[in-house]
C-alpha atoms as a PDB file:
ATOM      1  CA  UNK A   1     -16.326   5.339-105.553  1.00  0.00           C
ATOM      2  CA  UNK A   2     -19.376   5.241-103.290  1.00  0.00           C
ATOM      3  CA  UNK A   3     -21.570   6.424-106.161  1.00  0.00           C
ATOM      4  CA  UNK A   4     -20.093   3.743-108.435  1.00  0.00           C
ATOM      5  CA  UNK A   5     -20.690   1.018-105.829  1.00  0.00           C
ATOM      6  CA  UNK A   6     -24.272   2.202-105.341  1.00  0.00           C
ATOM      7  CA  UNK A   7     -24.844   1.921-109.083  1.00  0.00           C
ATOM      8  CA  UNK A   8     -23.418  -1.582-109.051  1.00  0.00           C
ATOM      9  CA  UNK A   9     -25.760  -2.616-106.255  1.00  0.00           C
ATOM     10  CA  UNK A  10     -28.746  -1.168-108.081  1.00  0.00           C
ATOM     11  CA  UNK A  11     -27.513  -3.004-111.173  1.00  0.00           C
ATOM     12  CA  UNK A  12     -27.674  -6.310-109.277  1.00  0.00           C
ATOM     13  CA  UNK A  13     -31.408  -5.777-108.870  1.00  0.00           C
ATOM     14  CA  UNK A  14     -31.839  -5.019-112.585  1.00  0.00           C
ATOM     15  CA  UNK A  15     -29.655  -8.016-113.365  1.00  0.00           C
ATOM     16  CA  UNK A  16     -31.876 -10.297-111.304  1.00  0.00           C
ATOM     17  CA  UNK A  17     -35.009  -9.316-113.234  1.00  0.00           C
ATOM     18  CA  UNK A  18     -33.290  -9.663-116.620  1.00  0.00           C
ATOM     19  CA  UNK A  19     -31.820 -13.028-115.591  1.00  0.00           C
ATOM     20  CA  UNK A  20     -35.282 -14.364-114.734  1.00  0.00           C
ATOM     21  CA  UNK A  21     -36.635 -13.266-118.083  1.00  0.00           C
ATOM     22  CA  UNK A  22     -33.750 -14.808-120.023  1.00  0.00           C
ATOM     23  CA  UNK A  23     -33.932 -18.036-118.043  1.00  0.00           C
ATOM     24  CA  UNK A  24     -37.649 -18.395-118.774  1.00  0.00           C
ATOM     25  CA  UNK A  25     -37.125 -17.600-122.458  1.00  0.00           C
ATOM     26  CA  UNK A  26     -34.505 -20.324-122.956  1.00  0.00           C
ATOM     27  CA  UNK A  27     -36.652 -22.883-121.110  1.00  0.00           C
ATOM     28  CA  UNK A  28     -39.088 -22.489-124.003  1.00  0.00           C
ATOM     29  CA  UNK A  29     -36.785 -21.787-126.937  1.00  0.00           C
ATOM     30  CA  UNK A  30     -34.437 -24.631-125.996  1.00  0.00           C
ATOM     31  CA  UNK A  31     -37.247 -27.078-126.749  1.00  0.00           C
ATOM     32  CA  UNK A  32     -39.266 -25.400-129.492  1.00  0.00           C
ATOM     33  CA  UNK A  33     -36.347 -23.759-131.356  1.00  0.00           C
ATOM     34  CA  UNK A  34     -38.803 -21.035-132.281  1.00  0.00           C
ATOM     35  CA  UNK A  35     -38.531 -17.284-131.710  1.00  0.00           C
ATOM     36  CA  UNK A  36     -41.123 -16.154-129.171  1.00  0.00           C
ATOM     37  CA  UNK A  37     -41.829 -12.438-128.942  1.00  0.00           C
ATOM     38  CA  UNK A  38     -44.563 -12.785-126.280  1.00  0.00           C
ATOM     39  CA  UNK A  39     -42.325 -13.192-123.202  1.00  0.00           C
ATOM     40  CA  UNK A  40     -41.921  -9.472-122.659  1.00  0.00           C
ATOM     41  CA  UNK A  41     -45.671  -9.058-122.986  1.00  0.00           C
ATOM     42  CA  UNK A  42     -46.201 -11.822-120.417  1.00  0.00           C
ATOM     43  CA  UNK A  43     -43.822  -9.969-118.095  1.00  0.00           C
ATOM     44  CA  UNK A  44     -45.760  -6.715-118.470  1.00  0.00           C
ATOM     45  CA  UNK A  45     -49.198  -8.430-118.472  1.00  0.00           C
ATOM     46  CA  UNK A  46     -48.437 -10.252-115.236  1.00  0.00           C
ATOM     47  CA  UNK A  47     -47.322  -7.075-113.463  1.00  0.00           C
ATOM     48  CA  UNK A  48     -50.189  -5.037-114.887  1.00  0.00           C
ATOM     49  CA  UNK A  49     -52.787  -7.633-113.902  1.00  0.00           C
ATOM     50  CA  UNK A  50     -51.381  -7.797-110.408  1.00  0.00           C
ATOM     51  CA  UNK A  51     -51.613  -4.007-110.022  1.00  0.00           C
ATOM     52  CA  UNK A  52     -55.099  -3.717-111.532  1.00  0.00           C
ATOM     53  CA  UNK A  53     -56.602  -6.512-109.450  1.00  0.00           C
ATOM     54  CA  UNK A  54     -54.944  -5.162-106.311  1.00  0.00           C
ATOM     55  CA  UNK A  55     -56.343  -1.683-107.015  1.00  0.00           C
ATOM     56  CA  UNK A  56     -59.795  -3.170-107.618  1.00  0.00           C
ATOM     57  CA  UNK A  57     -59.691  -5.211-104.408  1.00  0.00           C
ATOM     58  CA  UNK A  58     -58.501  -2.170-102.407  1.00  0.00           C
ATOM     59  CA  UNK A  59     -60.878   0.479-103.769  1.00  0.00           C
ATOM     60  CA  UNK A  60     -64.002  -1.565-104.675  1.00  0.00           C
ATOM     61  CA  UNK A  61     -63.939  -4.663-102.482  1.00  0.00           C
ATOM     62  CA  UNK A  62     -62.565  -2.707 -99.499  1.00  0.00           C
ATOM     63  CA  UNK A  63     -59.917  -5.287 -98.693  1.00  0.00           C
ATOM     64  CA  UNK A  64     -56.939  -4.528 -96.499  1.00  0.00           C
ATOM     65  CA  UNK A  65     -53.660  -3.972 -98.332  1.00  0.00           C
ATOM     66  CA  UNK A  66     -52.201  -7.431 -97.541  1.00  0.00           C
ATOM     67  CA  UNK A  67     -55.458  -9.091 -98.638  1.00  0.00           C
ATOM     68  CA  UNK A  68     -55.611  -7.013-101.787  1.00  0.00           C
ATOM     69  CA  UNK A  69     -52.012  -7.865-102.661  1.00  0.00           C
ATOM     70  CA  UNK A  70     -52.693 -11.553-102.088  1.00  0.00           C
ATOM     71  CA  UNK A  71     -55.803 -11.436-104.257  1.00  0.00           C
ATOM     72  CA  UNK A  72     -53.917  -9.636-107.013  1.00  0.00           C
ATOM     73  CA  UNK A  73     -51.119 -12.192-106.845  1.00  0.00           C
ATOM     74  CA  UNK A  74     -53.600 -15.079-107.033  1.00  0.00           C
ATOM     75  CA  UNK A  75     -55.434 -13.640-110.048  1.00  0.00           C
ATOM     76  CA  UNK A  76     -52.160 -12.903-111.877  1.00  0.00           C
ATOM     77  CA  UNK A  77     -51.041 -16.515-111.356  1.00  0.00           C
ATOM     78  CA  UNK A  78     -54.404 -17.809-112.614  1.00  0.00           C
ATOM     79  CA  UNK A  79     -54.383 -15.563-115.689  1.00  0.00           C
ATOM     80  CA  UNK A  80     -50.818 -16.414-116.669  1.00  0.00           C
ATOM     81  CA  UNK A  81     -51.298 -20.133-115.998  1.00  0.00           C
ATOM     82  CA  UNK A  82     -54.463 -20.369-118.105  1.00  0.00           C
ATOM     83  CA  UNK A  83     -52.934 -18.180-120.774  1.00  0.00           C
ATOM     84  CA  UNK A  84     -49.716 -20.211-120.931  1.00  0.00           C
ATOM     85  CA  UNK A  85     -51.647 -23.452-121.324  1.00  0.00           C
ATOM     86  CA  UNK A  86     -53.799 -21.940-124.058  1.00  0.00           C
ATOM     87  CA  UNK A  87     -50.726 -20.643-125.874  1.00  0.00           C
ATOM     88  CA  UNK A  88     -49.094 -24.075-125.741  1.00  0.00           C
ATOM     89  CA  UNK A  89     -52.200 -25.734-127.189  1.00  0.00           C
ATOM     90  CA  UNK A  90     -53.432 -23.068-129.604  1.00  0.00           C
ATOM     91  CA  UNK A  91     -50.192 -21.589-130.941  1.00  0.00           C
ATOM     92  CA  UNK A  92     -47.235 -23.947-130.439  1.00  0.00           C
ATOM     93  CA  UNK A  93     -48.987 -27.281-131.036  1.00  0.00           C
ATOM     94  CA  UNK A  94     -50.649 -26.357-134.387  1.00  0.00           C
ATOM     95  CA  UNK A  95     -47.576 -24.491-135.680  1.00  0.00           C
ATOM     96  CA  UNK A  96     -44.959 -26.975-134.521  1.00  0.00           C
ATOM     97  CA  UNK A  97     -44.402 -28.573-137.904  1.00  0.00           C
ATOM     98  CA  UNK A  98     -44.635 -25.326-139.878  1.00  0.00           C
ATOM     99  CA  UNK A  99     -42.123 -22.677-140.778  1.00  0.00           C
ATOM    100  CA  UNK A 100     -40.235 -21.198-137.862  1.00  0.00           C
ATOM    101  CA  UNK A 101     -41.433 -17.704-138.745  1.00  0.00           C
ATOM    102  CA  UNK A 102     -45.061 -18.682-138.118  1.00  0.00           C
ATOM    103  CA  UNK A 103     -44.491 -18.854-134.369  1.00  0.00           C
ATOM    104  CA  UNK A 104     -42.684 -15.511-134.468  1.00  0.00           C
ATOM    105  CA  UNK A 105     -45.618 -13.868-136.217  1.00  0.00           C
ATOM    106  CA  UNK A 106     -48.189 -15.553-133.977  1.00  0.00           C
ATOM    107  CA  UNK A 107     -46.412 -14.538-130.758  1.00  0.00           C
ATOM    108  CA  UNK A 108     -45.945 -11.001-132.095  1.00  0.00           C
ATOM    109  CA  UNK A 109     -49.708 -10.829-132.565  1.00  0.00           C
ATOM    110  CA  UNK A 110     -50.185 -12.256-129.107  1.00  0.00           C
ATOM    111  CA  UNK A 111     -47.859  -9.648-127.646  1.00  0.00           C
ATOM    112  CA  UNK A 112     -49.843  -6.836-129.274  1.00  0.00           C
ATOM    113  CA  UNK A 113     -53.083  -8.409-128.070  1.00  0.00           C
ATOM    114  CA  UNK A 114     -51.893  -8.612-124.460  1.00  0.00           C
ATOM    115  CA  UNK A 115     -50.607  -5.029-124.489  1.00  0.00           C
ATOM    116  CA  UNK A 116     -53.916  -3.744-125.868  1.00  0.00           C
ATOM    117  CA  UNK A 117     -55.853  -5.890-123.399  1.00  0.00           C
ATOM    118  CA  UNK A 118     -53.904  -4.361-120.514  1.00  0.00           C
ATOM    119  CA  UNK A 119     -54.336  -0.869-121.922  1.00  0.00           C
ATOM    120  CA  UNK A 120     -58.097  -1.268-122.295  1.00  0.00           C
ATOM    121  CA  UNK A 121     -58.456  -2.844-118.838  1.00  0.00           C
ATOM    122  CA  UNK A 122     -56.557   0.085-117.337  1.00  0.00           C
ATOM    123  CA  UNK A 123     -58.543   2.613-119.400  1.00  0.00           C
ATOM    124  CA  UNK A 124     -55.186   3.922-120.673  1.00  0.00           C
ATOM    125  CA  UNK A 125     -54.272   5.023-117.148  1.00  0.00           C
ATOM    126  CA  UNK A 126     -51.344   4.148-114.942  1.00  0.00           C
ATOM    127  CA  UNK A 127     -52.142   2.690-111.526  1.00  0.00           C
ATOM    128  CA  UNK A 128     -49.531   2.654-108.781  1.00  0.00           C
ATOM    129  CA  UNK A 129     -48.908   0.487-105.762  1.00  0.00           C
ATOM    130  CA  UNK A 130     -47.840   2.176-102.506  1.00  0.00           C
ATOM    131  CA  UNK A 131     -44.131   1.916-101.572  1.00  0.00           C
ATOM    132  CA  UNK A 132     -43.426  -1.318 -99.694  1.00  0.00           C
ATOM    133  CA  UNK A 133     -40.368  -2.574 -97.810  1.00  0.00           C
ATOM    134  CA  UNK A 134     -38.565   0.663 -98.690  1.00  0.00           C
ATOM    135  CA  UNK A 135     -36.367   0.797 -95.586  1.00  0.00           C
ATOM    136  CA  UNK A 136     -32.659   0.848 -96.544  1.00  0.00           C
ATOM    137  CA  UNK A 137     -30.395  -2.083 -95.775  1.00  0.00           C
ATOM    138  CA  UNK A 138     -26.815  -0.958 -95.318  1.00  0.00           C
ATOM    139  CA  UNK A 139     -24.518  -3.198 -97.326  1.00  0.00           C
ATOM    140  CA  UNK A 140     -21.197  -1.798 -96.130  1.00  0.00           C
ATOM    141  CA  UNK A 141     -20.415  -0.653 -92.621  1.00  0.00           C
ATOM    142  CA  UNK A 142     -18.028   2.033 -91.505  1.00  0.00           C
ATOM    143  CA  UNK A 143     -20.405   4.893 -92.148  1.00  0.00           C
ATOM    144  CA  UNK A 144     -20.422   4.320 -95.934  1.00  0.00           C
ATOM    145  CA  UNK A 145     -23.911   5.163 -97.200  1.00  0.00           C
ATOM    146  CA  UNK A 146     -24.363   2.302 -99.696  1.00  0.00           C
ATOM    147  CA  UNK A 147     -27.612   0.441 -99.403  1.00  0.00           C
ATOM    148  CA  UNK A 148     -30.405  -1.525-100.994  1.00  0.00           C
ATOM    149  CA  UNK A 149     -34.022  -1.402-100.015  1.00  0.00           C
ATOM    150  CA  UNK A 150     -35.549  -4.369 -98.250  1.00  0.00           C
ATOM    151  CA  UNK A 151     -37.632  -5.120-101.350  1.00  0.00           C
ATOM    152  CA  UNK A 152     -34.553  -5.090-103.561  1.00  0.00           C
ATOM    153  CA  UNK A 153     -32.921  -7.634-101.280  1.00  0.00           C
ATOM    154  CA  UNK A 154     -36.051  -9.819-101.384  1.00  0.00           C
ATOM    155  CA  UNK A 155     -36.266  -9.611-105.194  1.00  0.00           C
ATOM    156  CA  UNK A 156     -32.598 -10.540-105.648  1.00  0.00           C
ATOM    157  CA  UNK A 157     -32.952 -13.450-103.206  1.00  0.00           C
ATOM    158  CA  UNK A 158     -36.084 -14.707-105.001  1.00  0.00           C
ATOM    159  CA  UNK A 159     -34.417 -14.494-108.419  1.00  0.00           C
ATOM    160  CA  UNK A 160     -31.302 -16.338-107.225  1.00  0.00           C
ATOM    161  CA  UNK A 161     -33.429 -19.008-105.537  1.00  0.00           C
ATOM    162  CA  UNK A 162     -35.511 -19.602-108.666  1.00  0.00           C
ATOM    163  CA  UNK A 163     -32.519 -19.817-110.992  1.00  0.00           C
ATOM    164  CA  UNK A 164     -30.592 -22.038-108.555  1.00  0.00           C
ATOM    165  CA  UNK A 165     -33.608 -24.334-108.202  1.00  0.00           C
ATOM    166  CA  UNK A 166     -34.010 -24.454-111.984  1.00  0.00           C
ATOM    167  CA  UNK A 167     -30.374 -25.404-112.448  1.00  0.00           C
ATOM    168  CA  UNK A 168     -30.634 -28.086-109.771  1.00  0.00           C
ATOM    169  CA  UNK A 169     -33.622 -29.543-111.617  1.00  0.00           C
ATOM    170  CA  UNK A 170     -31.875 -29.325-114.992  1.00  0.00           C
ATOM    171  CA  UNK A 171     -28.652 -30.978-113.822  1.00  0.00           C
ATOM    172  CA  UNK A 172     -29.750 -33.440-111.143  1.00  0.00           C
ATOM    173  CA  UNK A 173     -33.244 -34.703-111.979  1.00  0.00           C
ATOM    174  CA  UNK A 174     -34.911 -36.758-114.686  1.00  0.00           C
ATOM    175  CA  UNK A 175     -36.891 -33.689-115.734  1.00  0.00           C
ATOM    176  CA  UNK A 176     -33.693 -31.927-116.715  1.00  0.00           C
ATOM    177  CA  UNK A 177     -32.413 -34.937-118.630  1.00  0.00           C
ATOM    178  CA  UNK A 178     -35.733 -35.204-120.478  1.00  0.00           C
ATOM    179  CA  UNK A 179     -35.600 -31.483-121.314  1.00  0.00           C
ATOM    180  CA  UNK A 180     -32.120 -31.871-122.820  1.00  0.00           C
ATOM    181  CA  UNK A 181     -33.094 -35.029-124.688  1.00  0.00           C
ATOM    182  CA  UNK A 182     -36.195 -33.455-126.233  1.00  0.00           C
ATOM    183  CA  UNK A 183     -34.181 -30.362-127.080  1.00  0.00           C
ATOM    184  CA  UNK A 184     -31.564 -32.433-128.942  1.00  0.00           C
ATOM    185  CA  UNK A 185     -33.621 -35.252-130.479  1.00  0.00           C
ATOM    186  CA  UNK A 186     -37.399 -35.024-130.071  1.00  0.00           C
ATOM    187  CA  UNK A 187     -38.038 -37.892-132.515  1.00  0.00           C
ATOM    188  CA  UNK A 188     -35.650 -40.236-130.680  1.00  0.00           C
ATOM    189  CA  UNK A 189     -37.159 -39.374-127.282  1.00  0.00           C
ATOM    190  CA  UNK A 190     -40.614 -40.119-128.684  1.00  0.00           C
ATOM    191  CA  UNK A 191     -39.357 -43.577-129.716  1.00  0.00           C
ATOM    192  CA  UNK A 192     -38.263 -44.093-126.113  1.00  0.00           C
ATOM    193  CA  UNK A 193     -41.772 -43.487-124.776  1.00  0.00           C
ATOM    194  CA  UNK A 194     -41.482 -39.768-123.928  1.00  0.00           C
ATOM    195  CA  UNK A 195     -44.147 -37.413-125.257  1.00  0.00           C
ATOM    196  CA  UNK A 196     -42.361 -34.344-126.658  1.00  0.00           C
ATOM    197  CA  UNK A 197     -45.634 -32.379-126.852  1.00  0.00           C
ATOM    198  CA  UNK A 198     -46.256 -32.871-123.142  1.00  0.00           C
ATOM    199  CA  UNK A 199     -42.691 -31.849-122.299  1.00  0.00           C
ATOM    200  CA  UNK A 200     -43.059 -28.797-124.511  1.00  0.00           C
ATOM    201  CA  UNK A 201     -46.268 -27.763-122.733  1.00  0.00           C
ATOM    202  CA  UNK A 202     -44.629 -28.177-119.348  1.00  0.00           C
ATOM    203  CA  UNK A 203     -41.618 -26.124-120.467  1.00  0.00           C
ATOM    204  CA  UNK A 204     -43.881 -23.357-121.817  1.00  0.00           C
ATOM    205  CA  UNK A 205     -45.768 -23.194-118.524  1.00  0.00           C
ATOM    206  CA  UNK A 206     -42.492 -23.108-116.588  1.00  0.00           C
ATOM    207  CA  UNK A 207     -40.978 -20.444-118.809  1.00  0.00           C
ATOM    208  CA  UNK A 208     -44.067 -18.245-118.697  1.00  0.00           C
ATOM    209  CA  UNK A 209     -44.225 -18.734-114.932  1.00  0.00           C
ATOM    210  CA  UNK A 210     -40.639 -17.494-114.506  1.00  0.00           C
ATOM    211  CA  UNK A 211     -41.268 -14.458-116.741  1.00  0.00           C
ATOM    212  CA  UNK A 212     -44.527 -13.728-114.894  1.00  0.00           C
ATOM    213  CA  UNK A 213     -42.647 -13.875-111.597  1.00  0.00           C
ATOM    214  CA  UNK A 214     -40.216 -11.268-112.938  1.00  0.00           C
ATOM    215  CA  UNK A 215     -43.226  -9.068-113.791  1.00  0.00           C
ATOM    216  CA  UNK A 216     -44.621  -9.423-110.285  1.00  0.00           C
ATOM    217  CA  UNK A 217     -41.296  -8.543-108.699  1.00  0.00           C
ATOM    218  CA  UNK A 218     -40.923  -5.514-110.985  1.00  0.00           C
ATOM    219  CA  UNK A 219     -44.453  -4.359-110.111  1.00  0.00           C
ATOM    220  CA  UNK A 220     -43.779  -4.622-106.412  1.00  0.00           C
ATOM    221  CA  UNK A 221     -40.531  -2.666-106.682  1.00  0.00           C
ATOM    222  CA  UNK A 222     -41.387   0.043-109.215  1.00  0.00           C
ATOM    223  CA  UNK A 223     -45.041   0.281-108.181  1.00  0.00           C
ATOM    224  CA  UNK A 224     -46.119   0.288-111.829  1.00  0.00           C
ATOM    225  CA  UNK A 225     -45.584  -1.808-114.962  1.00  0.00           C
ATOM    226  CA  UNK A 226     -46.942   0.007-117.962  1.00  0.00           C
ATOM    227  CA  UNK A 227     -48.834  -1.866-120.681  1.00  0.00           C
ATOM    228  CA  UNK A 228     -46.439  -0.560-123.364  1.00  0.00           C
ATOM    229  CA  UNK A 229     -43.230  -1.992-121.880  1.00  0.00           C
ATOM    230  CA  UNK A 230     -43.775  -5.547-123.093  1.00  0.00           C
ATOM    231  CA  UNK A 231     -42.378  -5.121-126.585  1.00  0.00           C
ATOM    232  CA  UNK A 232     -39.092  -3.514-125.543  1.00  0.00           C
ATOM    233  CA  UNK A 233     -38.453  -6.141-122.881  1.00  0.00           C
ATOM    234  CA  UNK A 234     -39.260  -8.915-125.343  1.00  0.00           C
ATOM    235  CA  UNK A 235     -36.786  -7.567-127.896  1.00  0.00           C
ATOM    236  CA  UNK A 236     -34.091  -7.118-125.252  1.00  0.00           C
ATOM    237  CA  UNK A 237     -34.451 -10.687-124.029  1.00  0.00           C
ATOM    238  CA  UNK A 238     -34.439 -11.989-127.596  1.00  0.00           C
ATOM    239  CA  UNK A 239     -31.167 -10.186-128.401  1.00  0.00           C
ATOM    240  CA  UNK A 240     -29.598 -11.182-125.068  1.00  0.00           C
ATOM    241  CA  UNK A 241     -30.365 -14.879-125.484  1.00  0.00           C
ATOM    242  CA  UNK A 242     -29.315 -14.796-129.149  1.00  0.00           C
ATOM    243  CA  UNK A 243     -25.926 -13.409-128.115  1.00  0.00           C
ATOM    244  CA  UNK A 244     -25.522 -15.773-125.170  1.00  0.00           C
ATOM    245  CA  UNK A 245     -26.885 -18.929-126.764  1.00  0.00           C
ATOM    246  CA  UNK A 246     -30.177 -20.805-126.590  1.00  0.00           C
ATOM    247  CA  UNK A 247     -28.900 -24.147-125.354  1.00  0.00           C
ATOM    248  CA  UNK A 248     -28.289 -23.378-121.659  1.00  0.00           C
ATOM    249  CA  UNK A 249     -30.742 -21.304-119.574  1.00  0.00           C
ATOM    250  CA  UNK A 250     -27.996 -20.429-117.075  1.00  0.00           C
ATOM    251  CA  UNK A 251     -25.742 -18.971-119.738  1.00  0.00           C
ATOM    252  CA  UNK A 252     -28.604 -16.815-120.972  1.00  0.00           C
ATOM    253  CA  UNK A 253     -29.338 -15.669-117.398  1.00  0.00           C
ATOM    254  CA  UNK A 254     -25.711 -14.674-116.854  1.00  0.00           C
ATOM    255  CA  UNK A 255     -25.632 -12.710-120.082  1.00  0.00           C
ATOM    256  CA  UNK A 256     -28.886 -10.970-119.148  1.00  0.00           C
ATOM    257  CA  UNK A 257     -27.468 -10.085-115.738  1.00  0.00           C
ATOM    258  CA  UNK A 258     -24.476  -8.433-117.396  1.00  0.00           C
ATOM    259  CA  UNK A 259     -26.824  -6.345-119.548  1.00  0.00           C
ATOM    260  CA  UNK A 260     -28.742  -5.313-116.424  1.00  0.00           C
ATOM    261  CA  UNK A 261     -25.514  -4.124-114.831  1.00  0.00           C
ATOM    262  CA  UNK A 262     -24.539  -2.187-117.976  1.00  0.00           C
ATOM    263  CA  UNK A 263     -27.929  -0.484-118.026  1.00  0.00           C
ATOM    264  CA  UNK A 264     -27.563   0.603-114.439  1.00  0.00           C
ATOM    265  CA  UNK A 265     -24.090   2.063-115.026  1.00  0.00           C
ATOM    266  CA  UNK A 266     -25.187   3.802-118.193  1.00  0.00           C
ATOM    267  CA  UNK A 267     -28.151   5.413-116.400  1.00  0.00           C
ATOM    268  CA  UNK A 268     -25.786   6.725-113.738  1.00  0.00           C
ATOM    269  CA  UNK A 269     -23.196   8.309-116.013  1.00  0.00           C
ATOM    270  CA  UNK A 270     -24.899   9.012-119.340  1.00  0.00           C
ATOM    271  CA  UNK A 271     -28.272  10.145-120.743  1.00  0.00           C
ATOM    272  CA  UNK A 272     -31.107   7.692-120.012  1.00  0.00           C
ATOM    273  CA  UNK A 273     -32.621   8.624-123.404  1.00  0.00           C
ATOM    274  CA  UNK A 274     -29.782   6.793-125.155  1.00  0.00           C
ATOM    275  CA  UNK A 275     -29.675   3.786-122.811  1.00  0.00           C
ATOM    276  CA  UNK A 276     -31.759   1.427-124.891  1.00  0.00           C
ATOM    277  CA  UNK A 277     -29.939   2.417-128.078  1.00  0.00           C
ATOM    278  CA  UNK A 278     -26.585   1.742-126.404  1.00  0.00           C
ATOM    279  CA  UNK A 279     -27.718  -1.603-125.051  1.00  0.00           C
ATOM    280  CA  UNK A 280     -29.083  -2.792-128.387  1.00  0.00           C
ATOM    281  CA  UNK A 281     -25.921  -1.616-130.164  1.00  0.00           C
ATOM    282  CA  UNK A 282     -23.810  -3.621-127.692  1.00  0.00           C
ATOM    283  CA  UNK A 283     -25.975  -6.714-128.156  1.00  0.00           C
ATOM    284  CA  UNK A 284     -25.820  -6.460-131.956  1.00  0.00           C
ATOM    285  CA  UNK A 285     -22.038  -6.162-131.762  1.00  0.00           C
ATOM    286  CA  UNK A 286     -21.767  -9.233-129.508  1.00  0.00           C
ATOM    287  CA  UNK A 287     -24.121 -11.206-131.705  1.00  0.00           C
ATOM    288  CA  UNK A 288     -22.249 -10.317-134.902  1.00  0.00           C
ATOM    289  CA  UNK A 289     -18.912 -11.174-133.299  1.00  0.00           C
ATOM    290  CA  UNK A 290     -20.242 -14.493-132.062  1.00  0.00           C
ATOM    291  CA  UNK A 291     -21.619 -15.394-135.492  1.00  0.00           C
ATOM    292  CA  UNK A 292     -18.319 -14.535-137.175  1.00  0.00           C
ATOM    293  CA  UNK A 293     -16.421 -16.654-134.625  1.00  0.00           C
ATOM    294  CA  UNK A 294     -18.719 -19.624-135.308  1.00  0.00           C
ATOM    295  CA  UNK A 295     -18.252 -19.217-139.072  1.00  0.00           C
ATOM    296  CA  UNK A 296     -14.464 -19.129-138.599  1.00  0.00           C
ATOM    297  CA  UNK A 297     -14.596 -22.372-136.588  1.00  0.00           C
ATOM    298  CA  UNK A 298     -16.574 -24.123-139.341  1.00  0.00           C
ATOM    299  CA  UNK A 299     -13.998 -23.038-141.927  1.00  0.00           C
END
């Protein structure tokens, strides 16, 4: 039982990262209604940039570790912010009126470009951050050895705070009402004086920011985010949100959290080599069942 509870606690950390990715994805897809395969690459690119800049600041600029981490964080934010704005203007805006598959192909190319850019910048090497905030935090008393590291607790708290803040904005502010209005009827909102293109750009920046934050948290915890992890994370988030629905970011985040828990349990009891295959099989089953249920309701 203690082993099972420890796996569940570790799964909460995985769930928090997946929930952030899914939340950011639906912030974009809910407005554009286009499949975006670049979110996983943004996740990996953010973490990889943070690690590379931190390593450069530490070994070349001779900064202290806190200063190097701060510099890496700043540069990752700048890169993702500029990149997100460029993507909104150079990919989404020109392709908005075209076929939906054009955005899919364009973001697939962008994902490959970002992965190759990270690989070249790292010279096809893996750089690692030193362990940080690794002291255990006992979750249960009574001598039961079930714990999370301090960094896991921080990551979970940050993820919950971001998602809770996003939901508060979506449900209680004019920004959330505008997001829902543009998602449902962009032409009608334009007639009311709202610029759908501007709202779309803001949503893309917000979504990319949330996914980049997940990449930074993953880099801090694991110490490394490889340049070749972007594609698999992008496909997972796409399947998760497709199964959970694209209309509500919170629903997608909850579905992603469940997948994170399943991955943790699978890794504890079964072969890790088959984990991704099992997760994708589960997601395909849920998606097929959901589509059949919707078809039955229409009939």
